[in-house]
Amino acid sequence: MSLPHCPKCQSEYTYQDGDLLICPECANEWKEGETHQDDASTIIKDANGNVLVDGDSVTVIKDLKVKGSSSVVKVGTKVKTIRLVPDAADGHNIDCKIEGFGQMKLKSEFVKKA
């Protein structure tokens, strides 16, 4: 029996648990035959095209100026336990806490999955 690919991230590694199908890569759960209205816009990818999910760790790939400050988040800064904000109007779709800076929002195009 061949299981369908994940409708959210298109992963081929889905598995069945009872009547649910589960994707181990993005933690999406759905019932077989269930139609999904997910847009491609709800999938957030890093600079390399890897799908990001809540709780991932990422690394900053470009020096980022901190608005309202003379500080800079340096290349290579590791950010742990991110939270995704898919409907962010300003493009800052990652909410996180950076050591030494505090709570901050980042754009996914400036990070890579760690």
PDB file of N, CA and C in Angstrom:
ATOM      1  N   MET A   1       0.839  -1.177   0.000  1.00  0.00           N
ATOM      2  CA  MET A   1       0.000   0.000   0.000  1.00  0.00           C
ATOM      3  C   MET A   1       0.895   1.255   0.000  1.00  0.00           C
ATOM      4  N   SER A   2       0.634   2.135  -0.907  1.00  0.00           N
ATOM      5  CA  SER A   2       1.416   3.359  -1.030  1.00  0.00           C
ATOM      6  C   SER A   2       0.671   4.510  -0.363  1.00  0.00           C
ATOM      7  N   LEU A   3       1.351   5.190   0.547  1.00  0.00           N
ATOM      8  CA  LEU A   3       0.738   6.319   1.246  1.00  0.00           C
ATOM      9  C   LEU A   3       0.969   7.608   0.457  1.00  0.00           C
ATOM     10  N   PRO A   4       0.030   8.541   0.517  1.00  0.00           N
ATOM     11  CA  PRO A   4       0.193   9.801  -0.215  1.00  0.00           C
ATOM     12  C   PRO A   4       1.266  10.682   0.415  1.00  0.00           C
ATOM     13  N   HIS A   5       1.825  11.580  -0.385  1.00  0.00           N
ATOM     14  CA  HIS A   5       2.791  12.554   0.115  1.00  0.00           C
ATOM     15  C   HIS A   5       2.071  13.560   1.001  1.00  0.00           C
ATOM     16  N   CYS A   6       2.803  14.195   1.880  1.00  0.00           N
ATOM     17  CA  CYS A   6       2.246  15.200   2.781  1.00  0.00           C
ATOM     18  C   CYS A   6       1.700  16.376   1.959  1.00  0.00           C
ATOM     19  N   PRO A   7       0.450  16.789   2.193  1.00  0.00           N
ATOM     20  CA  PRO A   7      -0.108  17.911   1.442  1.00  0.00           C
ATOM     21  C   PRO A   7       0.484  19.264   1.844  1.00  0.00           C
ATOM     22  N   LYS A   8       1.153  19.313   2.989  1.00  0.00           N
ATOM     23  CA  LYS A   8       1.709  20.576   3.469  1.00  0.00           C
ATOM     24  C   LYS A   8       3.122  20.816   2.950  1.00  0.00           C
ATOM     25  N   CYS A   9       4.009  19.803   3.054  1.00  0.00           N
ATOM     26  CA  CYS A   9       5.411  19.989   2.652  1.00  0.00           C
ATOM     27  C   CYS A   9       5.856  19.039   1.544  1.00  0.00           C
ATOM     28  N   GLN A  10       4.960  18.187   1.069  1.00  0.00           N
ATOM     29  CA  GLN A  10       5.216  17.230  -0.014  1.00  0.00           C
ATOM     30  C   GLN A  10       6.237  16.153   0.340  1.00  0.00           C
ATOM     31  N   SER A  11       6.442  15.901   1.625  1.00  0.00           N
ATOM     32  CA  SER A  11       7.366  14.855   2.056  1.00  0.00           C
ATOM     33  C   SER A  11       6.827  13.483   1.668  1.00  0.00           C
ATOM     34  N   GLU A  12       7.719  12.598   1.264  1.00  0.00           N
ATOM     35  CA  GLU A  12       7.316  11.249   0.895  1.00  0.00           C
ATOM     36  C   GLU A  12       7.340  10.281   2.085  1.00  0.00           C
ATOM     37  N   TYR A  13       7.772  10.747   3.253  1.00  0.00           N
ATOM     38  CA  TYR A  13       7.965   9.880   4.407  1.00  0.00           C
ATOM     39  C   TYR A  13       6.768   9.841   5.350  1.00  0.00           C
ATOM     40  N   THR A  14       5.573   9.884   4.833  1.00  0.00           N
ATOM     41  CA  THR A  14       4.382   9.840   5.678  1.00  0.00           C
ATOM     42  C   THR A  14       4.178   8.438   6.240  1.00  0.00           C
ATOM     43  N   TYR A  15       3.517   8.366   7.378  1.00  0.00           N
ATOM     44  CA  TYR A  15       3.172   7.077   7.960  1.00  0.00           C
ATOM     45  C   TYR A  15       1.775   7.142   8.552  1.00  0.00           C
ATOM     46  N   GLN A  16       1.196   5.988   8.764  1.00  0.00           N
ATOM     47  CA  GLN A  16      -0.172   5.914   9.251  1.00  0.00           C
ATOM     48  C   GLN A  16      -0.182   5.535  10.722  1.00  0.00           C
ATOM     49  N   ASP A  17      -1.048   6.223  11.494  1.00  0.00           N
ATOM     50  CA  ASP A  17      -1.243   5.929  12.905  1.00  0.00           C
ATOM     51  C   ASP A  17      -2.744   5.921  13.149  1.00  0.00           C
ATOM     52  N   GLY A  18      -3.312   4.729  13.200  1.00  0.00           N
ATOM     53  CA  GLY A  18      -4.760   4.621  13.322  1.00  0.00           C
ATOM     54  C   GLY A  18      -5.410   5.104  12.035  1.00  0.00           C
ATOM     55  N   ASP A  19      -6.317   6.067  12.143  1.00  0.00           N
ATOM     56  CA  ASP A  19      -6.956   6.604  10.941  1.00  0.00           C
ATOM     57  C   ASP A  19      -6.299   7.901  10.461  1.00  0.00           C
ATOM     58  N   LEU A  20      -5.196   8.304  11.113  1.00  0.00           N
ATOM     59  CA  LEU A  20      -4.486   9.521  10.709  1.00  0.00           C
ATOM     60  C   LEU A  20      -3.238   9.202   9.908  1.00  0.00           C
ATOM     61  N   LEU A  21      -2.921  10.080   8.969  1.00  0.00           N
ATOM     62  CA  LEU A  21      -1.640  10.046   8.281  1.00  0.00           C
ATOM     63  C   LEU A  21      -0.793  11.152   8.880  1.00  0.00           C
ATOM     64  N   ILE A  22       0.492  10.887   9.108  1.00  0.00           N
ATOM     65  CA  ILE A  22       1.363  11.832   9.807  1.00  0.00           C
ATOM     66  C   ILE A  22       2.640  12.031   9.000  1.00  0.00           C
ATOM     67  N   CYS A  23       3.073  13.293   8.932  1.00  0.00           N
ATOM     68  CA  CYS A  23       4.332  13.635   8.279  1.00  0.00           C
ATOM     69  C   CYS A  23       5.380  13.880   9.367  1.00  0.00           C
ATOM     70  N   PRO A  24       6.467  13.106   9.392  1.00  0.00           N
ATOM     71  CA  PRO A  24       7.490  13.298  10.420  1.00  0.00           C
ATOM     72  C   PRO A  24       8.337  14.554  10.205  1.00  0.00           C
ATOM     73  N   GLU A  25       8.310  15.124   8.995  1.00  0.00           N
ATOM     74  CA  GLU A  25       9.138  16.294   8.720  1.00  0.00           C
ATOM     75  C   GLU A  25       8.504  17.597   9.172  1.00  0.00           C
ATOM     76  N   CYS A  26       7.184  17.760   8.974  1.00  0.00           N
ATOM     77  CA  CYS A  26       6.540  19.031   9.350  1.00  0.00           C
ATOM     78  C   CYS A  26       5.468  18.843  10.422  1.00  0.00           C
ATOM     79  N   ALA A  27       5.282  17.611  10.906  1.00  0.00           N
ATOM     80  CA  ALA A  27       4.326  17.278  11.966  1.00  0.00           C
ATOM     81  C   ALA A  27       2.877  17.511  11.554  1.00  0.00           C
ATOM     82  N   ASN A  28       2.594  17.524  10.262  1.00  0.00           N
ATOM     83  CA  ASN A  28       1.221  17.669   9.777  1.00  0.00           C
ATOM     84  C   ASN A  28       0.480  16.354   9.970  1.00  0.00           C
ATOM     85  N   GLU A  29      -0.777  16.436  10.405  1.00  0.00           N
ATOM     86  CA  GLU A  29      -1.627  15.265  10.566  1.00  0.00           C
ATOM     87  C   GLU A  29      -2.902  15.483   9.777  1.00  0.00           C
ATOM     88  N   TRP A  30      -3.365  14.457   9.067  1.00  0.00           N
ATOM     89  CA  TRP A  30      -4.599  14.559   8.308  1.00  0.00           C
ATOM     90  C   TRP A  30      -5.182  13.176   8.106  1.00  0.00           C
ATOM     91  N   LYS A  31      -6.458  13.146   7.755  1.00  0.00           N
ATOM     92  CA  LYS A  31      -7.127  11.882   7.466  1.00  0.00           C
ATOM     93  C   LYS A  31      -7.071  11.643   5.969  1.00  0.00           C
ATOM     94  N   GLU A  32      -6.920  10.384   5.588  1.00  0.00           N
ATOM     95  CA  GLU A  32      -6.843  10.057   4.164  1.00  0.00           C
ATOM     96  C   GLU A  32      -8.125  10.481   3.470  1.00  0.00           C
ATOM     97  N   GLY A  33      -7.976  11.111   2.334  1.00  0.00           N
ATOM     98  CA  GLY A  33      -9.132  11.593   1.587  1.00  0.00           C
ATOM     99  C   GLY A  33      -9.586  12.977   2.008  1.00  0.00           C
ATOM    100  N   GLU A  34      -9.002  13.502   3.071  1.00  0.00           N
ATOM    101  CA  GLU A  34      -9.362  14.838   3.552  1.00  0.00           C
ATOM    102  C   GLU A  34      -8.772  15.879   2.610  1.00  0.00           C
ATOM    103  N   THR A  35      -9.573  16.843   2.220  1.00  0.00           N
ATOM    104  CA  THR A  35      -9.061  17.885   1.330  1.00  0.00           C
ATOM    105  C   THR A  35      -8.467  19.001   2.155  1.00  0.00           C
ATOM    106  N   HIS A  36      -7.320  19.504   1.703  1.00  0.00           N
ATOM    107  CA  HIS A  36      -6.619  20.573   2.413  1.00  0.00           C
ATOM    108  C   HIS A  36      -6.714  21.855   1.627  1.00  0.00           C
ATOM    109  N   GLN A  37      -6.932  22.951   2.313  1.00  0.00           N
ATOM    110  CA  GLN A  37      -6.999  24.263   1.702  1.00  0.00           C
ATOM    111  C   GLN A  37      -5.705  25.025   1.933  1.00  0.00           C
ATOM    112  N   ASP A  38      -4.629  24.315   2.307  1.00  0.00           N
ATOM    113  CA  ASP A  38      -3.360  24.983   2.607  1.00  0.00           C
ATOM    114  C   ASP A  38      -2.784  25.647   1.367  1.00  0.00           C
ATOM    115  N   ASP A  39      -2.364  26.880   1.504  1.00  0.00           N
ATOM    116  CA  ASP A  39      -1.665  27.588   0.437  1.00  0.00           C
ATOM    117  C   ASP A  39      -0.196  27.275   0.544  1.00  0.00           C
ATOM    118  N   ALA A  40       0.523  27.491  -0.537  1.00  0.00           N
ATOM    119  CA  ALA A  40       1.973  27.369  -0.481  1.00  0.00           C
ATOM    120  C   ALA A  40       2.539  28.483   0.399  1.00  0.00           C
ATOM    121  N   SER A  41       1.755  29.544   0.616  1.00  0.00           N
ATOM    122  CA  SER A  41       2.218  30.670   1.420  1.00  0.00           C
ATOM    123  C   SER A  41       2.297  30.326   2.908  1.00  0.00           C
ATOM    124  N   THR A  42       1.612  29.275   3.360  1.00  0.00           N
ATOM    125  CA  THR A  42       1.670  28.901   4.767  1.00  0.00           C
ATOM    126  C   THR A  42       2.915  28.078   5.080  1.00  0.00           C
ATOM    127  N   ILE A  43       3.585  27.581   4.046  1.00  0.00           N
ATOM    128  CA  ILE A  43       4.820  26.843   4.248  1.00  0.00           C
ATOM    129  C   ILE A  43       5.952  27.858   4.270  1.00  0.00           C
ATOM    130  N   ILE A  44       6.693  27.865   5.363  1.00  0.00           N
ATOM    131  CA  ILE A  44       7.798  28.817   5.506  1.00  0.00           C
ATOM    132  C   ILE A  44       9.105  28.060   5.317  1.00  0.00           C
ATOM    133  N   LYS A  45       9.929  28.563   4.387  1.00  0.00           N
ATOM    134  CA  LYS A  45      11.199  27.915   4.072  1.00  0.00           C
ATOM    135  C   LYS A  45      12.355  28.851   4.383  1.00  0.00           C
ATOM    136  N   ASP A  46      13.502  28.243   4.704  1.00  0.00           N
ATOM    137  CA  ASP A  46      14.704  29.042   4.973  1.00  0.00           C
ATOM    138  C   ASP A  46      15.371  29.461   3.668  1.00  0.00           C
ATOM    139  N   ALA A  47      16.520  30.074   3.740  1.00  0.00           N
ATOM    140  CA  ALA A  47      17.238  30.572   2.566  1.00  0.00           C
ATOM    141  C   ALA A  47      17.644  29.450   1.614  1.00  0.00           C
ATOM    142  N   ASN A  48      17.796  28.237   2.115  1.00  0.00           N
ATOM    143  CA  ASN A  48      18.183  27.101   1.287  1.00  0.00           C
ATOM    144  C   ASN A  48      17.003  26.288   0.786  1.00  0.00           C
ATOM    145  N   GLY A  49      15.777  26.683   1.151  1.00  0.00           N
ATOM    146  CA  GLY A  49      14.585  25.975   0.699  1.00  0.00           C
ATOM    147  C   GLY A  49      14.120  24.867   1.619  1.00  0.00           C
ATOM    148  N   ASN A  50      14.715  24.736   2.800  1.00  0.00           N
ATOM    149  CA  ASN A  50      14.275  23.731   3.775  1.00  0.00           C
ATOM    150  C   ASN A  50      13.031  24.234   4.487  1.00  0.00           C
ATOM    151  N   VAL A  51      12.065  23.348   4.705  1.00  0.00           N
ATOM    152  CA  VAL A  51      10.827  23.716   5.390  1.00  0.00           C
ATOM    153  C   VAL A  51      11.118  23.911   6.866  1.00  0.00           C
ATOM    154  N   LEU A  52      10.653  25.032   7.416  1.00  0.00           N
ATOM    155  CA  LEU A  52      10.818  25.325   8.836  1.00  0.00           C
ATOM    156  C   LEU A  52       9.536  24.998   9.579  1.00  0.00           C
ATOM    157  N   VAL A  53       9.667  24.520  10.808  1.00  0.00           N
ATOM    158  CA  VAL A  53       8.527  24.254  11.674  1.00  0.00           C
ATOM    159  C   VAL A  53       8.801  24.858  13.045  1.00  0.00           C
ATOM    160  N   ASP A  54       7.739  25.056  13.819  1.00  0.00           N
ATOM    161  CA  ASP A  54       7.889  25.594  15.172  1.00  0.00           C
ATOM    162  C   ASP A  54       8.845  24.718  15.974  1.00  0.00           C
ATOM    163  N   GLY A  55       9.745  25.355  16.720  1.00  0.00           N
ATOM    164  CA  GLY A  55      10.680  24.628  17.569  1.00  0.00           C
ATOM    165  C   GLY A  55      12.025  24.356  16.920  1.00  0.00           C
ATOM    166  N   ASP A  56      12.165  24.629  15.624  1.00  0.00           N
ATOM    167  CA  ASP A  56      13.450  24.428  14.943  1.00  0.00           C
ATOM    168  C   ASP A  56      14.505  25.378  15.481  1.00  0.00           C
ATOM    169  N   SER A  57      15.757  25.035  15.224  1.00  0.00           N
ATOM    170  CA  SER A  57      16.875  25.939  15.481  1.00  0.00           C
ATOM    171  C   SER A  57      17.385  26.405  14.136  1.00  0.00           C
ATOM    172  N   VAL A  58      17.736  27.673  14.052  1.00  0.00           N
ATOM    173  CA  VAL A  58      18.232  28.243  12.803  1.00  0.00           C
ATOM    174  C   VAL A  58      19.503  29.031  13.063  1.00  0.00           C
ATOM    175  N   THR A  59      20.251  29.309  11.987  1.00  0.00           N
ATOM    176  CA  THR A  59      21.474  30.093  12.055  1.00  0.00           C
ATOM    177  C   THR A  59      21.328  31.290  11.123  1.00  0.00           C
ATOM    178  N   VAL A  60      21.708  32.472  11.597  1.00  0.00           N
ATOM    179  CA  VAL A  60      21.637  33.691  10.803  1.00  0.00           C
ATOM    180  C   VAL A  60      22.731  33.638   9.734  1.00  0.00           C
ATOM    181  N   ILE A  61      22.379  33.963   8.469  1.00  0.00           N
ATOM    182  CA  ILE A  61      23.341  33.862   7.368  1.00  0.00           C
ATOM    183  C   ILE A  61      23.840  35.223   6.876  1.00  0.00           C
ATOM    184  N   LYS A  62      23.384  36.302   7.500  1.00  0.00           N
ATOM    185  CA  LYS A  62      23.770  37.653   7.083  1.00  0.00           C
ATOM    186  C   LYS A  62      23.751  38.554   8.312  1.00  0.00           C
ATOM    187  N   ASP A  63      24.694  39.495   8.397  1.00  0.00           N
ATOM    188  CA  ASP A  63      24.649  40.468   9.490  1.00  0.00           C
ATOM    189  C   ASP A  63      23.337  41.241   9.396  1.00  0.00           C
ATOM    190  N   LEU A  64      22.604  41.309  10.511  1.00  0.00           N
ATOM    191  CA  LEU A  64      21.307  41.990  10.531  1.00  0.00           C
ATOM    192  C   LEU A  64      21.347  43.155  11.502  1.00  0.00           C
ATOM    193  N   LYS A  65      21.055  44.350  11.004  1.00  0.00           N
ATOM    194  CA  LYS A  65      20.987  45.518  11.872  1.00  0.00           C
ATOM    195  C   LYS A  65      19.727  45.430  12.712  1.00  0.00           C
ATOM    196  N   VAL A  66      19.853  45.800  13.992  1.00  0.00           N
ATOM    197  CA  VAL A  66      18.712  45.796  14.900  1.00  0.00           C
ATOM    198  C   VAL A  66      18.086  47.180  14.842  1.00  0.00           C
ATOM    199  N   LYS A  67      16.817  47.216  14.452  1.00  0.00           N
ATOM    200  CA  LYS A  67      16.121  48.494  14.294  1.00  0.00           C
ATOM    201  C   LYS A  67      16.074  49.252  15.623  1.00  0.00           C
ATOM    202  N   GLY A  68      16.424  50.523  15.579  1.00  0.00           N
ATOM    203  CA  GLY A  68      16.391  51.353  16.780  1.00  0.00           C
ATOM    204  C   GLY A  68      17.604  51.194  17.670  1.00  0.00           C
ATOM    205  N   SER A  69      18.638  50.546  17.160  1.00  0.00           N
ATOM    206  CA  SER A  69      19.829  50.295  17.952  1.00  0.00           C
ATOM    207  C   SER A  69      21.049  50.300  17.032  1.00  0.00           C
ATOM    208  N   SER A  70      22.214  50.455  17.602  1.00  0.00           N
ATOM    209  CA  SER A  70      23.432  50.375  16.797  1.00  0.00           C
ATOM    210  C   SER A  70      23.982  48.944  16.796  1.00  0.00           C
ATOM    211  N   SER A  71      23.273  48.023  17.430  1.00  0.00           N
ATOM    212  CA  SER A  71      23.704  46.621  17.515  1.00  0.00           C
ATOM    213  C   SER A  71      23.465  45.886  16.201  1.00  0.00           C
ATOM    214  N   VAL A  72      24.206  44.800  16.020  1.00  0.00           N
ATOM    215  CA  VAL A  72      24.078  43.960  14.835  1.00  0.00           C
ATOM    216  C   VAL A  72      24.034  42.501  15.280  1.00  0.00           C
ATOM    217  N   VAL A  73      23.082  41.735  14.723  1.00  0.00           N
ATOM    218  CA  VAL A  73      23.068  40.290  14.925  1.00  0.00           C
ATOM    219  C   VAL A  73      24.037  39.722  13.892  1.00  0.00           C
ATOM    220  N   LYS A  74      25.117  39.112  14.355  1.00  0.00           N
ATOM    221  CA  LYS A  74      26.211  38.666  13.491  1.00  0.00           C
ATOM    222  C   LYS A  74      25.882  37.366  12.741  1.00  0.00           C
ATOM    223  N   VAL A  75      26.550  37.188  11.617  1.00  0.00           N
ATOM    224  CA  VAL A  75      26.465  35.946  10.850  1.00  0.00           C
ATOM    225  C   VAL A  75      26.871  34.789  11.751  1.00  0.00           C
ATOM    226  N   GLY A  76      26.148  33.679  11.669  1.00  0.00           N
ATOM    227  CA  GLY A  76      26.489  32.497  12.459  1.00  0.00           C
ATOM    228  C   GLY A  76      25.806  32.437  13.811  1.00  0.00           C
ATOM    229  N   THR A  77      25.056  33.483  14.164  1.00  0.00           N
ATOM    230  CA  THR A  77      24.328  33.464  15.439  1.00  0.00           C
ATOM    231  C   THR A  77      23.276  32.370  15.390  1.00  0.00           C
ATOM    232  N   LYS A  78      23.290  31.474  16.377  1.00  0.00           N
ATOM    233  CA  LYS A  78      22.321  30.382  16.425  1.00  0.00           C
ATOM    234  C   LYS A  78      21.106  30.812  17.231  1.00  0.00           C
ATOM    235  N   VAL A  79      19.944  30.560  16.673  1.00  0.00           N
ATOM    236  CA  VAL A  79      18.682  30.906  17.320  1.00  0.00           C
ATOM    237  C   VAL A  79      17.928  29.608  17.572  1.00  0.00           C
ATOM    238  N   LYS A  80      17.595  29.341  18.829  1.00  0.00           N
ATOM    239  CA  LYS A  80      16.927  28.097  19.197  1.00  0.00           C
ATOM    240  C   LYS A  80      15.434  28.326  19.395  1.00  0.00           C
ATOM    241  N   THR A  81      14.656  27.298  19.181  1.00  0.00           N
ATOM    242  CA  THR A  81      13.224  27.260  19.449  1.00  0.00           C
ATOM    243  C   THR A  81      12.479  28.438  18.818  1.00  0.00           C
ATOM    244  N   ILE A  82      12.451  28.447  17.495  1.00  0.00           N
ATOM    245  CA  ILE A  82      11.729  29.513  16.797  1.00  0.00           C
ATOM    246  C   ILE A  82      10.228  29.243  16.805  1.00  0.00           C
ATOM    247  N   ARG A  83       9.452  30.291  16.588  1.00  0.00           N
ATOM    248  CA  ARG A  83       7.999  30.173  16.439  1.00  0.00           C
ATOM    249  C   ARG A  83       7.646  30.855  15.130  1.00  0.00           C
ATOM    250  N   LEU A  84       6.911  30.147  14.274  1.00  0.00           N
ATOM    251  CA  LEU A  84       6.561  30.683  12.965  1.00  0.00           C
ATOM    252  C   LEU A  84       5.309  31.543  13.039  1.00  0.00           C
ATOM    253  N   VAL A  85       5.312  32.630  12.277  1.00  0.00           N
ATOM    254  CA  VAL A  85       4.183  33.553  12.183  1.00  0.00           C
ATOM    255  C   VAL A  85       3.864  33.685  10.689  1.00  0.00           C
ATOM    256  N   PRO A  86       3.050  32.756  10.128  1.00  0.00           N
ATOM    257  CA  PRO A  86       2.856  32.713   8.686  1.00  0.00           C
ATOM    258  C   PRO A  86       2.129  33.921   8.089  1.00  0.00           C
ATOM    259  N   ASP A  87       1.310  34.607   8.831  1.00  0.00           N
ATOM    260  CA  ASP A  87       0.527  35.712   8.279  1.00  0.00           C
ATOM    261  C   ASP A  87       1.110  37.080   8.605  1.00  0.00           C
ATOM    262  N   ALA A  88       2.408  37.155   8.782  1.00  0.00           N
ATOM    263  CA  ALA A  88       3.046  38.428   9.125  1.00  0.00           C
ATOM    264  C   ALA A  88       3.008  39.365   7.921  1.00  0.00           C
ATOM    265  N   ALA A  89       2.413  40.532   8.100  1.00  0.00           N
ATOM    266  CA  ALA A  89       2.245  41.493   7.018  1.00  0.00           C
ATOM    267  C   ALA A  89       3.574  42.108   6.590  1.00  0.00           C
ATOM    268  N   ASP A  90       4.512  42.240   7.531  1.00  0.00           N
ATOM    269  CA  ASP A  90       5.782  42.904   7.216  1.00  0.00           C
ATOM    270  C   ASP A  90       6.867  41.938   6.729  1.00  0.00           C
ATOM    271  N   GLY A  91       6.550  40.656   6.586  1.00  0.00           N
ATOM    272  CA  GLY A  91       7.522  39.682   6.097  1.00  0.00           C
ATOM    273  C   GLY A  91       8.374  39.041   7.167  1.00  0.00           C
ATOM    274  N   HIS A  92       8.301  39.534   8.392  1.00  0.00           N
ATOM    275  CA  HIS A  92       9.056  38.949   9.507  1.00  0.00           C
ATOM    276  C   HIS A  92       8.255  37.757  10.024  1.00  0.00           C
ATOM    277  N   ASN A  93       8.514  36.579   9.461  1.00  0.00           N
ATOM    278  CA  ASN A  93       7.683  35.413   9.745  1.00  0.00           C
ATOM    279  C   ASN A  93       8.276  34.451  10.771  1.00  0.00           C
ATOM    280  N   ILE A  94       9.320  34.857  11.473  1.00  0.00           N
ATOM    281  CA  ILE A  94       9.896  34.052  12.561  1.00  0.00           C
ATOM    282  C   ILE A  94       9.943  34.897  13.821  1.00  0.00           C
ATOM    283  N   ASP A  95       9.360  34.386  14.887  1.00  0.00           N
ATOM    284  CA  ASP A  95       9.400  35.040  16.186  1.00  0.00           C
ATOM    285  C   ASP A  95      10.358  34.225  17.047  1.00  0.00           C
ATOM    286  N   CYS A  96      11.314  34.873  17.685  1.00  0.00           N
ATOM    287  CA  CYS A  96      12.331  34.131  18.429  1.00  0.00           C
ATOM    288  C   CYS A  96      12.934  34.995  19.526  1.00  0.00           C
ATOM    289  N   LYS A  97      13.769  34.373  20.323  1.00  0.00           N
ATOM    290  CA  LYS A  97      14.515  35.072  21.367  1.00  0.00           C
ATOM    291  C   LYS A  97      15.997  34.831  21.078  1.00  0.00           C
ATOM    292  N   ILE A  98      16.745  35.924  20.870  1.00  0.00           N
ATOM    293  CA  ILE A  98      18.164  35.813  20.576  1.00  0.00           C
ATOM    294  C   ILE A  98      18.944  36.243  21.807  1.00  0.00           C
ATOM    295  N   GLU A  99      19.853  35.376  22.229  1.00  0.00           N
ATOM    296  CA  GLU A  99      20.653  35.651  23.418  1.00  0.00           C
ATOM    297  C   GLU A  99      21.435  36.946  23.231  1.00  0.00           C
ATOM    298  N   GLY A 100      21.326  37.850  24.195  1.00  0.00           N
ATOM    299  CA  GLY A 100      22.007  39.131  24.121  1.00  0.00           C
ATOM    300  C   GLY A 100      21.181  40.232  23.481  1.00  0.00           C
ATOM    301  N   PHE A 101      20.078  39.863  22.824  1.00  0.00           N
ATOM    302  CA  PHE A 101      19.218  40.842  22.158  1.00  0.00           C
ATOM    303  C   PHE A 101      17.785  40.800  22.682  1.00  0.00           C
ATOM    304  N   GLY A 102      17.311  39.623  23.086  1.00  0.00           N
ATOM    305  CA  GLY A 102      15.948  39.479  23.570  1.00  0.00           C
ATOM    306  C   GLY A 102      14.993  39.045  22.475  1.00  0.00           C
ATOM    307  N   GLN A 103      13.713  39.325  22.693  1.00  0.00           N
ATOM    308  CA  GLN A 103      12.651  38.932  21.763  1.00  0.00           C
ATOM    309  C   GLN A 103      12.794  39.701  20.458  1.00  0.00           C
ATOM    310  N   MET A 104      12.642  38.997  19.335  1.00  0.00           N
ATOM    311  CA  MET A 104      12.884  39.624  18.049  1.00  0.00           C
ATOM    312  C   MET A 104      12.158  38.859  16.946  1.00  0.00           C
ATOM    313  N   LYS A 105      11.888  39.526  15.845  1.00  0.00           N
ATOM    314  CA  LYS A 105      11.301  38.885  14.672  1.00  0.00           C
ATOM    315  C   LYS A 105      12.324  38.911  13.551  1.00  0.00           C
ATOM    316  N   LEU A 106      12.380  37.805  12.800  1.00  0.00           N
ATOM    317  CA  LEU A 106      13.319  37.677  11.687  1.00  0.00           C
ATOM    318  C   LEU A 106      12.574  37.288  10.418  1.00  0.00           C
ATOM    319  N   LYS A 107      13.199  37.533   9.286  1.00  0.00           N
ATOM    320  CA  LYS A 107      12.678  37.059   8.009  1.00  0.00           C
ATOM    321  C   LYS A 107      13.352  35.724   7.705  1.00  0.00           C
ATOM    322  N   SER A 108      12.567  34.771   7.224  1.00  0.00           N
ATOM    323  CA  SER A 108      13.103  33.434   6.959  1.00  0.00           C
ATOM    324  C   SER A 108      14.156  33.421   5.866  1.00  0.00           C
ATOM    325  N   GLU A 109      14.193  34.422   5.028  1.00  0.00           N
ATOM    326  CA  GLU A 109      15.176  34.470   3.945  1.00  0.00           C
ATOM    327  C   GLU A 109      16.596  34.748   4.438  1.00  0.00           C
ATOM    328  N   PHE A 110      16.729  35.147   5.716  1.00  0.00           N
ATOM    329  CA  PHE A 110      18.049  35.447   6.276  1.00  0.00           C
ATOM    330  C   PHE A 110      18.538  34.407   7.271  1.00  0.00           C
ATOM    331  N   VAL A 111      17.899  33.234   7.285  1.00  0.00           N
ATOM    332  CA  VAL A 111      18.318  32.161   8.196  1.00  0.00           C
ATOM    333  C   VAL A 111      18.410  30.848   7.426  1.00  0.00           C
ATOM    334  N   LYS A 112      19.172  29.903   7.995  1.00  0.00           N
ATOM    335  CA  LYS A 112      19.194  28.544   7.474  1.00  0.00           C
ATOM    336  C   LYS A 112      18.957  27.589   8.632  1.00  0.00           C
ATOM    337  N   LYS A 113      18.336  26.476   8.323  1.00  0.00           N
ATOM    338  CA  LYS A 113      18.027  25.477   9.349  1.00  0.00           C
ATOM    339  C   LYS A 113      19.310  24.905   9.911  1.00  0.00           C
ATOM    340  N   ALA A 114      19.385  24.825  11.235  1.00  0.00           N
ATOM    341  CA  ALA A 114      20.610  24.334  11.890  1.00  0.00           C
ATOM    342  C   ALA A 114      20.576  22.831  12.060  1.00  0.00           C
TER     343      ALA A 114
END
